[in-house]
């Protein structure tokens, strides 16, 4: 709520979620008075969200790495929960540039659960460019396509035109059973300058 408090806006705020999946974040935004928009690539997920939320959401079935089809400075808030990292580097840079276009100046882009190079799954797939892997044989990334893993320097470089307000690196280690699994994720809040 520090960065997504609807009371800080003069009118009903518009939020865009990139890759909303089955809509786990929708109740939070609707309950807090946001006008909710999403761009989701899965037709099945889009149909589920439209059926579940009827006329309460605006959702497009598109590849948000190719185009975010909204007017410049249309959104008060943009949210990405682990969607953009499922792309190669060039697509990630395109998304960040497009978010900068559709987000109002002075407002926030919230990023949650972007994969870290400290994750035990990093490099267990075929690495086809720096930080980006595919074709994982097993584990949580098997069958999901491309996954990009970030270090702090890369994130700071990607967002060098933004003001970084919050940067968190979370590492969880599974102790029992002792299998060496570490889940490592980045959370960020950046402000459009």
N, C-alpha and C. Protein backbone atom coordinates (compact mmCIF):
# COMPACT_ATOMS: atom_id res chain seq x y z
N UNK A 1 0.82 -1.21 0.00
CA UNK A 1 0.00 0.00 0.00
C UNK A 1 0.85 1.27 0.00
N UNK A 2 2.14 1.17 0.36
CA UNK A 2 2.99 2.35 0.30
C UNK A 2 3.01 2.93 -1.11
N UNK A 3 2.99 2.08 -2.12
CA UNK A 3 3.12 2.53 -3.49
C UNK A 3 1.84 2.35 -4.30
N UNK A 4 0.87 1.63 -3.77
CA UNK A 4 -0.37 1.37 -4.51
C UNK A 4 -1.59 1.84 -3.74
N UNK A 5 -1.43 2.90 -2.98
CA UNK A 5 -2.54 3.43 -2.20
C UNK A 5 -3.42 4.29 -3.10
N UNK A 6 -4.67 3.88 -3.34
CA UNK A 6 -5.53 4.64 -4.25
C UNK A 6 -5.86 6.04 -3.75
N UNK A 7 -5.68 6.29 -2.45
CA UNK A 7 -6.00 7.61 -1.89
C UNK A 7 -5.03 8.70 -2.36
N UNK A 8 -3.87 8.29 -2.88
CA UNK A 8 -2.90 9.30 -3.30
C UNK A 8 -3.22 9.89 -4.68
N UNK A 9 -4.22 9.30 -5.36
CA UNK A 9 -4.59 9.77 -6.69
C UNK A 9 -5.81 10.68 -6.61
N UNK A 10 -5.88 11.67 -7.52
CA UNK A 10 -7.00 12.61 -7.49
C UNK A 10 -8.28 12.03 -8.08
N UNK A 11 -8.16 10.99 -8.91
CA UNK A 11 -9.34 10.32 -9.46
C UNK A 11 -9.11 8.81 -9.39
N UNK A 12 -10.09 8.05 -9.83
CA UNK A 12 -9.96 6.59 -9.77
C UNK A 12 -8.73 6.15 -10.56
N UNK A 13 -7.75 5.55 -9.88
CA UNK A 13 -6.51 5.20 -10.57
C UNK A 13 -6.65 3.98 -11.49
N UNK A 14 -5.86 4.02 -12.55
CA UNK A 14 -5.82 2.91 -13.51
C UNK A 14 -4.55 2.12 -13.29
N UNK A 15 -4.69 0.80 -13.13
CA UNK A 15 -3.54 -0.08 -12.96
C UNK A 15 -3.48 -1.03 -14.14
N UNK A 16 -2.26 -1.28 -14.61
CA UNK A 16 -2.02 -2.27 -15.66
C UNK A 16 -1.18 -3.39 -15.07
N UNK A 17 -1.67 -4.63 -15.23
CA UNK A 17 -0.88 -5.79 -14.84
C UNK A 17 -0.40 -6.50 -16.09
N UNK A 18 0.89 -6.78 -16.12
CA UNK A 18 1.49 -7.51 -17.24
C UNK A 18 1.45 -8.99 -16.92
N UNK A 19 0.76 -9.77 -17.77
CA UNK A 19 0.69 -11.21 -17.56
C UNK A 19 -0.05 -11.57 -16.29
N UNK A 20 -1.34 -11.32 -16.25
CA UNK A 20 -2.12 -11.53 -15.02
C UNK A 20 -2.44 -12.99 -14.73
N UNK A 21 -2.21 -13.89 -15.69
CA UNK A 21 -2.54 -15.30 -15.46
C UNK A 21 -4.01 -15.46 -15.14
N UNK A 22 -4.31 -16.22 -14.10
CA UNK A 22 -5.71 -16.46 -13.73
C UNK A 22 -6.28 -15.37 -12.83
N UNK A 23 -5.54 -14.30 -12.60
CA UNK A 23 -6.09 -13.14 -11.90
C UNK A 23 -5.90 -13.10 -10.41
N UNK A 24 -4.84 -13.67 -9.88
CA UNK A 24 -4.63 -13.71 -8.42
C UNK A 24 -4.56 -12.33 -7.79
N UNK A 25 -4.09 -11.32 -8.53
CA UNK A 25 -3.95 -9.97 -7.97
C UNK A 25 -5.18 -9.10 -8.16
N UNK A 26 -6.12 -9.54 -8.96
CA UNK A 26 -7.30 -8.73 -9.28
C UNK A 26 -8.11 -8.34 -8.04
N UNK A 27 -8.40 -9.25 -7.11
CA UNK A 27 -9.21 -8.85 -5.96
C UNK A 27 -8.62 -7.67 -5.18
N UNK A 28 -7.30 -7.65 -5.01
CA UNK A 28 -6.66 -6.54 -4.29
C UNK A 28 -6.96 -5.22 -4.98
N UNK A 29 -6.77 -5.16 -6.28
CA UNK A 29 -6.95 -3.90 -6.99
C UNK A 29 -8.41 -3.47 -7.07
N UNK A 30 -9.31 -4.40 -7.30
CA UNK A 30 -10.73 -4.04 -7.36
C UNK A 30 -11.22 -3.58 -5.98
N UNK A 31 -10.85 -4.31 -4.94
CA UNK A 31 -11.26 -3.96 -3.58
C UNK A 31 -10.77 -2.56 -3.21
N UNK A 32 -9.60 -2.19 -3.69
CA UNK A 32 -9.02 -0.89 -3.35
C UNK A 32 -9.39 0.22 -4.33
N UNK A 33 -10.33 -0.05 -5.23
CA UNK A 33 -10.89 1.00 -6.06
C UNK A 33 -10.16 1.32 -7.35
N UNK A 34 -9.24 0.49 -7.77
CA UNK A 34 -8.53 0.71 -9.02
C UNK A 34 -9.39 0.31 -10.21
N UNK A 35 -9.20 0.98 -11.32
CA UNK A 35 -9.74 0.52 -12.60
C UNK A 35 -8.67 -0.43 -13.14
N UNK A 36 -9.02 -1.69 -13.32
CA UNK A 36 -8.04 -2.74 -13.59
C UNK A 36 -7.94 -3.06 -15.08
N UNK A 37 -6.70 -3.09 -15.57
CA UNK A 37 -6.39 -3.48 -16.94
C UNK A 37 -5.31 -4.54 -16.90
N UNK A 38 -5.31 -5.43 -17.88
CA UNK A 38 -4.25 -6.44 -17.98
C UNK A 38 -3.99 -6.77 -19.44
N UNK A 39 -2.74 -7.17 -19.69
CA UNK A 39 -2.36 -7.73 -20.98
C UNK A 39 -1.83 -9.12 -20.67
N UNK A 40 -2.48 -10.13 -21.22
CA UNK A 40 -2.17 -11.54 -20.94
C UNK A 40 -2.08 -12.30 -22.26
N UNK A 41 -1.07 -13.16 -22.38
CA UNK A 41 -0.85 -13.89 -23.62
C UNK A 41 -1.65 -15.16 -23.77
N UNK A 42 -2.19 -15.70 -22.70
CA UNK A 42 -2.93 -16.96 -22.76
C UNK A 42 -4.42 -16.71 -22.96
N UNK A 43 -4.96 -17.21 -24.07
CA UNK A 43 -6.39 -17.06 -24.34
C UNK A 43 -7.22 -17.75 -23.26
N UNK A 44 -6.76 -18.90 -22.77
CA UNK A 44 -7.46 -19.62 -21.71
C UNK A 44 -7.55 -18.78 -20.45
N UNK A 45 -6.43 -18.15 -20.06
CA UNK A 45 -6.43 -17.29 -18.87
C UNK A 45 -7.33 -16.08 -19.07
N UNK A 46 -7.28 -15.49 -20.24
CA UNK A 46 -8.13 -14.32 -20.53
C UNK A 46 -9.60 -14.69 -20.41
N UNK A 47 -10.00 -15.80 -20.99
CA UNK A 47 -11.40 -16.23 -20.90
C UNK A 47 -11.81 -16.51 -19.46
N UNK A 48 -10.93 -17.12 -18.69
CA UNK A 48 -11.23 -17.39 -17.28
C UNK A 48 -11.44 -16.09 -16.51
N UNK A 49 -10.51 -15.14 -16.70
CA UNK A 49 -10.61 -13.85 -15.99
C UNK A 49 -11.86 -13.10 -16.41
N UNK A 50 -12.16 -13.07 -17.70
CA UNK A 50 -13.36 -12.38 -18.18
C UNK A 50 -14.63 -13.01 -17.61
N UNK A 51 -14.65 -14.33 -17.55
CA UNK A 51 -15.82 -15.02 -17.01
C UNK A 51 -15.96 -14.77 -15.51
N UNK A 52 -14.86 -14.83 -14.80
CA UNK A 52 -14.89 -14.68 -13.34
C UNK A 52 -15.21 -13.25 -12.91
N UNK A 53 -14.64 -12.27 -13.61
CA UNK A 53 -14.75 -10.88 -13.17
C UNK A 53 -15.71 -10.05 -14.02
N UNK A 54 -16.33 -10.67 -15.01
CA UNK A 54 -17.35 -10.04 -15.87
C UNK A 54 -16.92 -8.64 -16.31
N UNK A 55 -17.66 -7.62 -15.96
CA UNK A 55 -17.40 -6.26 -16.43
C UNK A 55 -16.52 -5.44 -15.49
N UNK A 56 -15.83 -6.11 -14.58
CA UNK A 56 -15.01 -5.39 -13.61
C UNK A 56 -13.56 -5.22 -14.04
N UNK A 57 -13.17 -5.87 -15.14
CA UNK A 57 -11.79 -5.80 -15.61
C UNK A 57 -11.73 -5.52 -17.11
N UNK A 58 -10.61 -4.98 -17.53
CA UNK A 58 -10.33 -4.74 -18.94
C UNK A 58 -9.09 -5.57 -19.26
N UNK A 59 -9.25 -6.63 -20.04
CA UNK A 59 -8.13 -7.52 -20.30
C UNK A 59 -7.99 -7.77 -21.80
N UNK A 60 -6.75 -7.70 -22.27
CA UNK A 60 -6.45 -7.94 -23.68
C UNK A 60 -5.61 -9.20 -23.80
N UNK A 61 -5.90 -10.00 -24.81
CA UNK A 61 -5.08 -11.18 -25.09
C UNK A 61 -4.05 -10.79 -26.14
N UNK A 62 -2.86 -10.46 -25.66
CA UNK A 62 -1.77 -10.01 -26.53
C UNK A 62 -0.43 -10.37 -25.89
N UNK A 63 0.61 -10.33 -26.68
CA UNK A 63 1.97 -10.49 -26.21
C UNK A 63 2.47 -9.11 -25.78
N UNK A 64 2.55 -8.87 -24.47
CA UNK A 64 2.92 -7.53 -24.00
C UNK A 64 4.38 -7.18 -24.30
N UNK A 65 5.18 -8.16 -24.72
CA UNK A 65 6.56 -7.83 -25.10
C UNK A 65 6.62 -7.21 -26.49
N UNK A 66 5.58 -7.40 -27.27
CA UNK A 66 5.53 -6.82 -28.61
C UNK A 66 4.93 -5.43 -28.60
N UNK A 67 3.85 -5.26 -27.86
CA UNK A 67 3.20 -3.96 -27.78
C UNK A 67 2.29 -3.90 -26.56
N UNK A 68 2.33 -2.77 -25.89
CA UNK A 68 1.36 -2.49 -24.83
C UNK A 68 0.46 -1.42 -25.42
N UNK A 69 -0.71 -1.84 -25.94
CA UNK A 69 -1.53 -0.98 -26.81
C UNK A 69 -2.42 0.03 -26.07
N UNK A 70 -1.76 0.95 -25.35
CA UNK A 70 -2.50 2.01 -24.67
C UNK A 70 -1.82 3.34 -24.97
N UNK A 71 -2.55 4.40 -24.75
CA UNK A 71 -2.03 5.74 -25.00
C UNK A 71 -0.91 6.08 -24.03
N UNK A 72 -0.01 6.97 -24.43
CA UNK A 72 1.04 7.41 -23.52
C UNK A 72 0.46 8.00 -22.23
N UNK A 73 1.12 7.71 -21.13
CA UNK A 73 0.77 8.21 -19.79
C UNK A 73 -0.68 7.90 -19.41
N UNK A 74 -1.14 6.73 -19.78
CA UNK A 74 -2.52 6.31 -19.50
C UNK A 74 -2.67 5.74 -18.08
N UNK A 75 -1.63 5.10 -17.56
CA UNK A 75 -1.74 4.37 -16.29
C UNK A 75 -1.11 5.10 -15.11
N UNK A 76 -1.74 4.90 -13.95
CA UNK A 76 -1.23 5.44 -12.69
C UNK A 76 -0.27 4.47 -12.02
N UNK A 77 -0.36 3.19 -12.37
CA UNK A 77 0.46 2.16 -11.75
C UNK A 77 0.59 0.99 -12.73
N UNK A 78 1.78 0.40 -12.81
CA UNK A 78 1.98 -0.81 -13.62
C UNK A 78 2.60 -1.85 -12.69
N UNK A 79 2.10 -3.10 -12.82
CA UNK A 79 2.54 -4.20 -11.95
C UNK A 79 2.96 -5.38 -12.80
N UNK A 80 4.06 -6.01 -12.41
CA UNK A 80 4.52 -7.23 -13.06
C UNK A 80 4.94 -8.21 -11.98
N UNK A 81 4.23 -9.30 -11.90
CA UNK A 81 4.56 -10.35 -10.93
C UNK A 81 5.10 -11.55 -11.69
N UNK A 82 6.39 -11.52 -11.94
CA UNK A 82 7.11 -12.67 -12.50
C UNK A 82 6.70 -13.03 -13.93
N UNK A 83 6.23 -12.06 -14.71
CA UNK A 83 5.85 -12.33 -16.10
C UNK A 83 6.97 -11.96 -17.07
N UNK A 84 7.46 -10.75 -16.97
CA UNK A 84 8.50 -10.28 -17.88
C UNK A 84 9.75 -11.16 -17.85
N UNK A 85 10.16 -11.71 -16.70
CA UNK A 85 11.37 -12.55 -16.69
C UNK A 85 11.28 -13.82 -17.54
N UNK A 86 10.11 -14.14 -18.05
CA UNK A 86 9.98 -15.31 -18.92
C UNK A 86 10.20 -14.90 -20.38
N UNK A 87 11.21 -14.07 -20.60
CA UNK A 87 11.53 -13.57 -21.93
C UNK A 87 13.02 -13.35 -22.07
N UNK A 88 13.51 -13.31 -23.32
CA UNK A 88 14.91 -12.97 -23.54
C UNK A 88 15.19 -11.49 -23.23
N UNK A 89 16.46 -11.13 -23.17
CA UNK A 89 16.88 -9.78 -22.78
C UNK A 89 16.27 -8.67 -23.64
N UNK A 90 16.26 -8.84 -24.95
CA UNK A 90 15.73 -7.79 -25.83
C UNK A 90 14.25 -7.52 -25.54
N UNK A 91 13.48 -8.56 -25.30
CA UNK A 91 12.06 -8.39 -24.98
C UNK A 91 11.88 -7.70 -23.64
N UNK A 92 12.72 -8.03 -22.68
CA UNK A 92 12.64 -7.38 -21.36
C UNK A 92 12.90 -5.88 -21.49
N UNK A 93 13.92 -5.52 -22.26
CA UNK A 93 14.21 -4.10 -22.46
C UNK A 93 13.04 -3.39 -23.17
N UNK A 94 12.41 -4.08 -24.13
CA UNK A 94 11.24 -3.50 -24.83
C UNK A 94 10.10 -3.25 -23.85
N UNK A 95 9.84 -4.22 -22.98
CA UNK A 95 8.75 -4.07 -22.00
C UNK A 95 9.00 -2.85 -21.11
N UNK A 96 10.21 -2.72 -20.60
CA UNK A 96 10.53 -1.59 -19.72
C UNK A 96 10.34 -0.27 -20.45
N UNK A 97 10.75 -0.21 -21.71
CA UNK A 97 10.57 1.00 -22.51
C UNK A 97 9.09 1.30 -22.74
N UNK A 98 8.30 0.27 -23.02
CA UNK A 98 6.87 0.47 -23.24
C UNK A 98 6.15 0.89 -21.97
N UNK A 99 6.56 0.32 -20.83
CA UNK A 99 5.97 0.72 -19.55
C UNK A 99 6.26 2.20 -19.31
N UNK A 100 7.48 2.63 -19.62
CA UNK A 100 7.83 4.05 -19.46
C UNK A 100 6.92 4.95 -20.31
N UNK A 101 6.45 4.44 -21.42
CA UNK A 101 5.56 5.22 -22.29
C UNK A 101 4.14 5.29 -21.72
N UNK A 102 3.59 4.17 -21.27
CA UNK A 102 2.18 4.16 -20.85
C UNK A 102 1.96 4.59 -19.41
N UNK A 103 3.03 4.67 -18.61
CA UNK A 103 2.92 5.07 -17.20
C UNK A 103 3.05 6.59 -17.08
N UNK A 104 2.22 7.18 -16.24
CA UNK A 104 2.29 8.62 -16.01
C UNK A 104 3.59 8.98 -15.30
N UNK A 105 4.13 10.11 -15.66
CA UNK A 105 5.36 10.61 -15.05
C UNK A 105 5.17 10.76 -13.55
N UNK A 106 6.17 10.32 -12.79
CA UNK A 106 6.12 10.42 -11.34
C UNK A 106 5.43 9.25 -10.66
N UNK A 107 4.95 8.28 -11.44
CA UNK A 107 4.24 7.14 -10.87
C UNK A 107 5.09 5.89 -10.90
N UNK A 108 4.54 4.78 -10.39
CA UNK A 108 5.34 3.61 -10.04
C UNK A 108 5.11 2.39 -10.92
N UNK A 109 6.21 1.64 -11.10
CA UNK A 109 6.22 0.32 -11.72
C UNK A 109 6.66 -0.63 -10.61
N UNK A 110 5.77 -1.55 -10.22
CA UNK A 110 6.05 -2.52 -9.16
C UNK A 110 6.41 -3.86 -9.79
N UNK A 111 7.57 -4.39 -9.44
CA UNK A 111 8.05 -5.66 -9.98
C UNK A 111 8.19 -6.63 -8.82
N UNK A 112 7.62 -7.78 -8.98
CA UNK A 112 7.64 -8.78 -7.92
C UNK A 112 8.10 -10.12 -8.47
N UNK A 113 8.94 -10.78 -7.71
CA UNK A 113 9.39 -12.14 -8.01
C UNK A 113 10.10 -12.26 -9.36
N UNK A 114 10.99 -11.33 -9.65
CA UNK A 114 11.87 -11.48 -10.81
C UNK A 114 13.01 -12.39 -10.38
N UNK A 115 13.37 -13.34 -11.20
CA UNK A 115 14.30 -14.41 -10.82
C UNK A 115 15.73 -13.89 -10.64
N UNK A 116 16.40 -14.43 -9.64
CA UNK A 116 17.77 -14.04 -9.31
C UNK A 116 18.76 -15.11 -9.75
N UNK A 117 19.97 -14.67 -10.09
CA UNK A 117 21.04 -15.61 -10.44
C UNK A 117 21.45 -16.46 -9.23
N UNK A 118 21.00 -16.09 -8.03
CA UNK A 118 21.29 -16.87 -6.83
C UNK A 118 20.32 -18.04 -6.66
N UNK A 119 19.29 -18.13 -7.52
CA UNK A 119 18.34 -19.23 -7.47
C UNK A 119 19.05 -20.52 -7.87
N UNK A 120 18.78 -21.60 -7.17
CA UNK A 120 19.46 -22.87 -7.45
C UNK A 120 19.12 -23.43 -8.83
N UNK A 121 18.06 -22.92 -9.48
CA UNK A 121 17.70 -23.39 -10.82
C UNK A 121 18.46 -22.67 -11.93
N UNK A 122 19.10 -21.55 -11.59
CA UNK A 122 19.84 -20.80 -12.60
C UNK A 122 20.90 -21.70 -13.24
N UNK A 123 20.94 -21.67 -14.55
CA UNK A 123 21.87 -22.45 -15.36
C UNK A 123 21.61 -23.95 -15.36
N UNK A 124 20.46 -24.40 -14.86
CA UNK A 124 20.11 -25.82 -14.98
C UNK A 124 19.44 -26.10 -16.32
N UNK A 125 19.09 -25.03 -17.02
CA UNK A 125 18.58 -25.17 -18.37
C UNK A 125 19.67 -24.81 -19.35
N UNK A 126 19.32 -24.81 -20.62
CA UNK A 126 20.26 -24.43 -21.67
C UNK A 126 20.37 -22.91 -21.69
N UNK A 127 21.56 -22.38 -21.42
CA UNK A 127 21.75 -20.93 -21.44
C UNK A 127 22.02 -20.50 -22.87
N UNK A 128 21.13 -19.63 -23.42
CA UNK A 128 21.32 -19.21 -24.81
C UNK A 128 21.71 -17.75 -24.95
N UNK A 129 21.71 -17.02 -23.85
CA UNK A 129 22.28 -15.69 -23.77
C UNK A 129 22.54 -15.41 -22.30
N UNK A 130 23.31 -14.40 -21.99
CA UNK A 130 23.67 -14.12 -20.60
C UNK A 130 22.43 -14.00 -19.73
N UNK A 131 22.33 -14.85 -18.72
CA UNK A 131 21.23 -14.80 -17.76
C UNK A 131 19.95 -15.47 -18.20
N UNK A 132 19.87 -15.91 -19.46
CA UNK A 132 18.62 -16.46 -19.98
C UNK A 132 18.77 -17.93 -20.32
N UNK A 133 17.87 -18.74 -19.75
CA UNK A 133 17.92 -20.20 -19.95
C UNK A 133 16.58 -20.70 -20.50
N UNK A 134 16.63 -21.87 -21.10
CA UNK A 134 15.43 -22.54 -21.61
C UNK A 134 15.68 -24.05 -21.56
N UNK A 135 14.65 -24.80 -21.87
CA UNK A 135 14.74 -26.27 -21.93
C UNK A 135 15.24 -26.88 -20.61
N UNK A 136 14.62 -26.50 -19.51
CA UNK A 136 14.94 -27.10 -18.22
C UNK A 136 14.39 -28.53 -18.23
N UNK A 137 15.21 -29.48 -17.85
CA UNK A 137 14.81 -30.89 -17.88
C UNK A 137 13.83 -31.22 -16.75
N UNK A 138 13.97 -30.57 -15.62
CA UNK A 138 13.11 -30.84 -14.47
C UNK A 138 13.06 -29.60 -13.59
N UNK A 139 12.30 -29.70 -12.51
CA UNK A 139 12.21 -28.60 -11.56
C UNK A 139 11.12 -27.61 -11.92
N UNK A 140 11.06 -26.50 -11.17
CA UNK A 140 9.97 -25.54 -11.34
C UNK A 140 9.97 -24.80 -12.67
N UNK A 141 11.10 -24.78 -13.39
CA UNK A 141 11.16 -24.09 -14.67
C UNK A 141 10.97 -25.02 -15.87
N UNK A 142 10.80 -26.30 -15.62
CA UNK A 142 10.59 -27.26 -16.72
C UNK A 142 9.24 -26.97 -17.38
N UNK A 143 9.25 -26.89 -18.69
CA UNK A 143 8.01 -26.69 -19.43
C UNK A 143 7.49 -25.27 -19.48
N UNK A 144 8.23 -24.30 -18.94
CA UNK A 144 7.73 -22.92 -18.95
C UNK A 144 8.39 -22.07 -20.03
N UNK A 145 9.27 -22.65 -20.81
CA UNK A 145 9.91 -21.88 -21.88
C UNK A 145 11.16 -21.17 -21.39
N UNK A 146 11.24 -19.89 -21.69
CA UNK A 146 12.41 -19.08 -21.38
C UNK A 146 12.29 -18.47 -19.99
N UNK A 147 13.41 -18.42 -19.27
CA UNK A 147 13.45 -17.76 -17.96
C UNK A 147 14.75 -16.96 -17.86
N UNK A 148 14.61 -15.70 -17.50
CA UNK A 148 15.78 -14.83 -17.34
C UNK A 148 16.04 -14.61 -15.86
N UNK A 149 17.30 -14.70 -15.48
CA UNK A 149 17.74 -14.53 -14.09
C UNK A 149 18.61 -13.29 -14.01
N UNK A 150 18.34 -12.42 -13.03
CA UNK A 150 18.99 -11.12 -12.91
C UNK A 150 19.95 -11.08 -11.74
N UNK A 151 21.00 -10.26 -11.90
CA UNK A 151 21.79 -9.87 -10.74
C UNK A 151 21.49 -8.39 -10.48
N UNK A 152 21.97 -7.87 -9.37
CA UNK A 152 21.65 -6.49 -8.99
C UNK A 152 22.15 -5.50 -10.04
N UNK A 153 23.35 -5.71 -10.55
CA UNK A 153 23.91 -4.78 -11.52
C UNK A 153 23.05 -4.70 -12.78
N UNK A 154 22.56 -5.83 -13.25
CA UNK A 154 21.70 -5.81 -14.43
C UNK A 154 20.41 -5.04 -14.17
N UNK A 155 19.80 -5.24 -13.01
CA UNK A 155 18.57 -4.51 -12.69
C UNK A 155 18.84 -3.00 -12.63
N UNK A 156 19.93 -2.63 -11.99
CA UNK A 156 20.26 -1.20 -11.91
C UNK A 156 20.51 -0.61 -13.30
N UNK A 157 21.12 -1.38 -14.19
CA UNK A 157 21.36 -0.92 -15.55
C UNK A 157 20.05 -0.81 -16.32
N UNK A 158 19.18 -1.81 -16.22
CA UNK A 158 17.90 -1.78 -16.92
C UNK A 158 17.05 -0.58 -16.51
N UNK A 159 17.16 -0.19 -15.24
CA UNK A 159 16.33 0.89 -14.71
C UNK A 159 17.13 2.15 -14.42
N UNK A 160 18.19 2.38 -15.22
CA UNK A 160 19.02 3.55 -14.96
C UNK A 160 18.32 4.87 -15.29
N UNK A 161 17.22 4.83 -16.05
CA UNK A 161 16.45 6.02 -16.36
C UNK A 161 15.28 6.22 -15.39
N UNK A 162 15.17 5.34 -14.43
CA UNK A 162 14.10 5.37 -13.43
C UNK A 162 14.72 5.70 -12.07
N UNK A 163 13.89 6.09 -11.13
CA UNK A 163 14.34 6.25 -9.75
C UNK A 163 13.99 4.96 -9.00
N UNK A 164 14.99 4.27 -8.50
CA UNK A 164 14.74 3.04 -7.75
C UNK A 164 14.41 3.41 -6.31
N UNK A 165 13.19 3.10 -5.88
CA UNK A 165 12.73 3.44 -4.53
C UNK A 165 12.86 2.27 -3.57
N UNK A 166 12.80 1.06 -4.10
CA UNK A 166 12.83 -0.13 -3.25
C UNK A 166 13.45 -1.26 -4.06
N UNK A 167 14.41 -1.94 -3.46
CA UNK A 167 15.05 -3.08 -4.10
C UNK A 167 15.30 -4.13 -3.03
N UNK A 168 14.68 -5.28 -3.22
CA UNK A 168 14.78 -6.36 -2.23
C UNK A 168 15.21 -7.64 -2.93
N UNK A 169 16.14 -8.33 -2.30
CA UNK A 169 16.59 -9.63 -2.79
C UNK A 169 16.22 -10.66 -1.72
N UNK A 170 15.30 -11.55 -2.05
CA UNK A 170 14.85 -12.57 -1.10
C UNK A 170 15.44 -13.91 -1.49
N UNK A 171 16.03 -14.60 -0.52
CA UNK A 171 16.55 -15.93 -0.75
C UNK A 171 15.95 -16.85 0.31
N UNK A 172 15.31 -17.91 -0.16
CA UNK A 172 14.75 -18.92 0.74
C UNK A 172 15.48 -20.22 0.48
N UNK A 173 15.92 -20.83 1.54
CA UNK A 173 16.64 -22.09 1.41
C UNK A 173 15.83 -23.20 2.08
N UNK A 174 15.62 -24.28 1.36
CA UNK A 174 14.91 -25.42 1.93
C UNK A 174 15.90 -26.24 2.76
N UNK A 175 15.59 -26.37 4.03
CA UNK A 175 16.47 -27.07 4.97
C UNK A 175 16.11 -28.55 5.08
N UNK A 176 14.81 -28.83 5.18
CA UNK A 176 14.35 -30.22 5.32
C UNK A 176 13.34 -30.52 4.22
N UNK A 177 13.48 -31.48 3.41
CA UNK A 177 14.65 -32.35 3.32
C UNK A 177 15.84 -31.60 2.72
N UNK A 178 17.04 -31.99 3.06
CA UNK A 178 18.23 -31.28 2.57
C UNK A 178 18.48 -31.57 1.09
N UNK A 179 17.96 -30.69 0.23
CA UNK A 179 18.10 -30.93 -1.20
C UNK A 179 18.83 -29.82 -1.95
N UNK A 180 19.32 -28.84 -1.19
CA UNK A 180 20.10 -27.77 -1.81
C UNK A 180 19.29 -26.76 -2.59
N UNK A 181 17.97 -26.76 -2.45
CA UNK A 181 17.12 -25.84 -3.21
C UNK A 181 17.13 -24.46 -2.55
N UNK A 182 17.41 -23.46 -3.37
CA UNK A 182 17.32 -22.06 -2.96
C UNK A 182 16.42 -21.34 -3.95
N UNK A 183 15.43 -20.66 -3.42
CA UNK A 183 14.57 -19.81 -4.24
C UNK A 183 15.05 -18.39 -4.03
N UNK A 184 15.43 -17.71 -5.10
CA UNK A 184 15.95 -16.34 -4.98
C UNK A 184 15.19 -15.45 -5.96
N UNK A 185 14.63 -14.37 -5.43
CA UNK A 185 13.79 -13.46 -6.22
C UNK A 185 14.09 -12.01 -5.88
N UNK A 186 13.84 -11.14 -6.86
CA UNK A 186 13.96 -9.69 -6.69
C UNK A 186 12.58 -9.06 -6.64
N UNK A 187 12.42 -8.08 -5.76
CA UNK A 187 11.23 -7.22 -5.73
C UNK A 187 11.74 -5.79 -5.85
N UNK A 188 11.06 -5.01 -6.67
CA UNK A 188 11.48 -3.63 -6.91
C UNK A 188 10.29 -2.70 -7.04
N UNK A 189 10.52 -1.46 -6.67
CA UNK A 189 9.59 -0.39 -6.99
C UNK A 189 10.43 0.70 -7.64
N UNK A 190 10.06 1.05 -8.86
CA UNK A 190 10.76 2.12 -9.56
C UNK A 190 9.77 3.22 -9.93
N UNK A 191 10.27 4.43 -9.93
CA UNK A 191 9.44 5.59 -10.22
C UNK A 191 9.86 6.18 -11.56
N UNK A 192 8.86 6.47 -12.40
CA UNK A 192 9.16 7.09 -13.69
C UNK A 192 9.57 8.53 -13.47
N UNK A 193 10.76 8.86 -13.90
CA UNK A 193 11.28 10.22 -13.71
C UNK A 193 10.66 11.20 -14.70
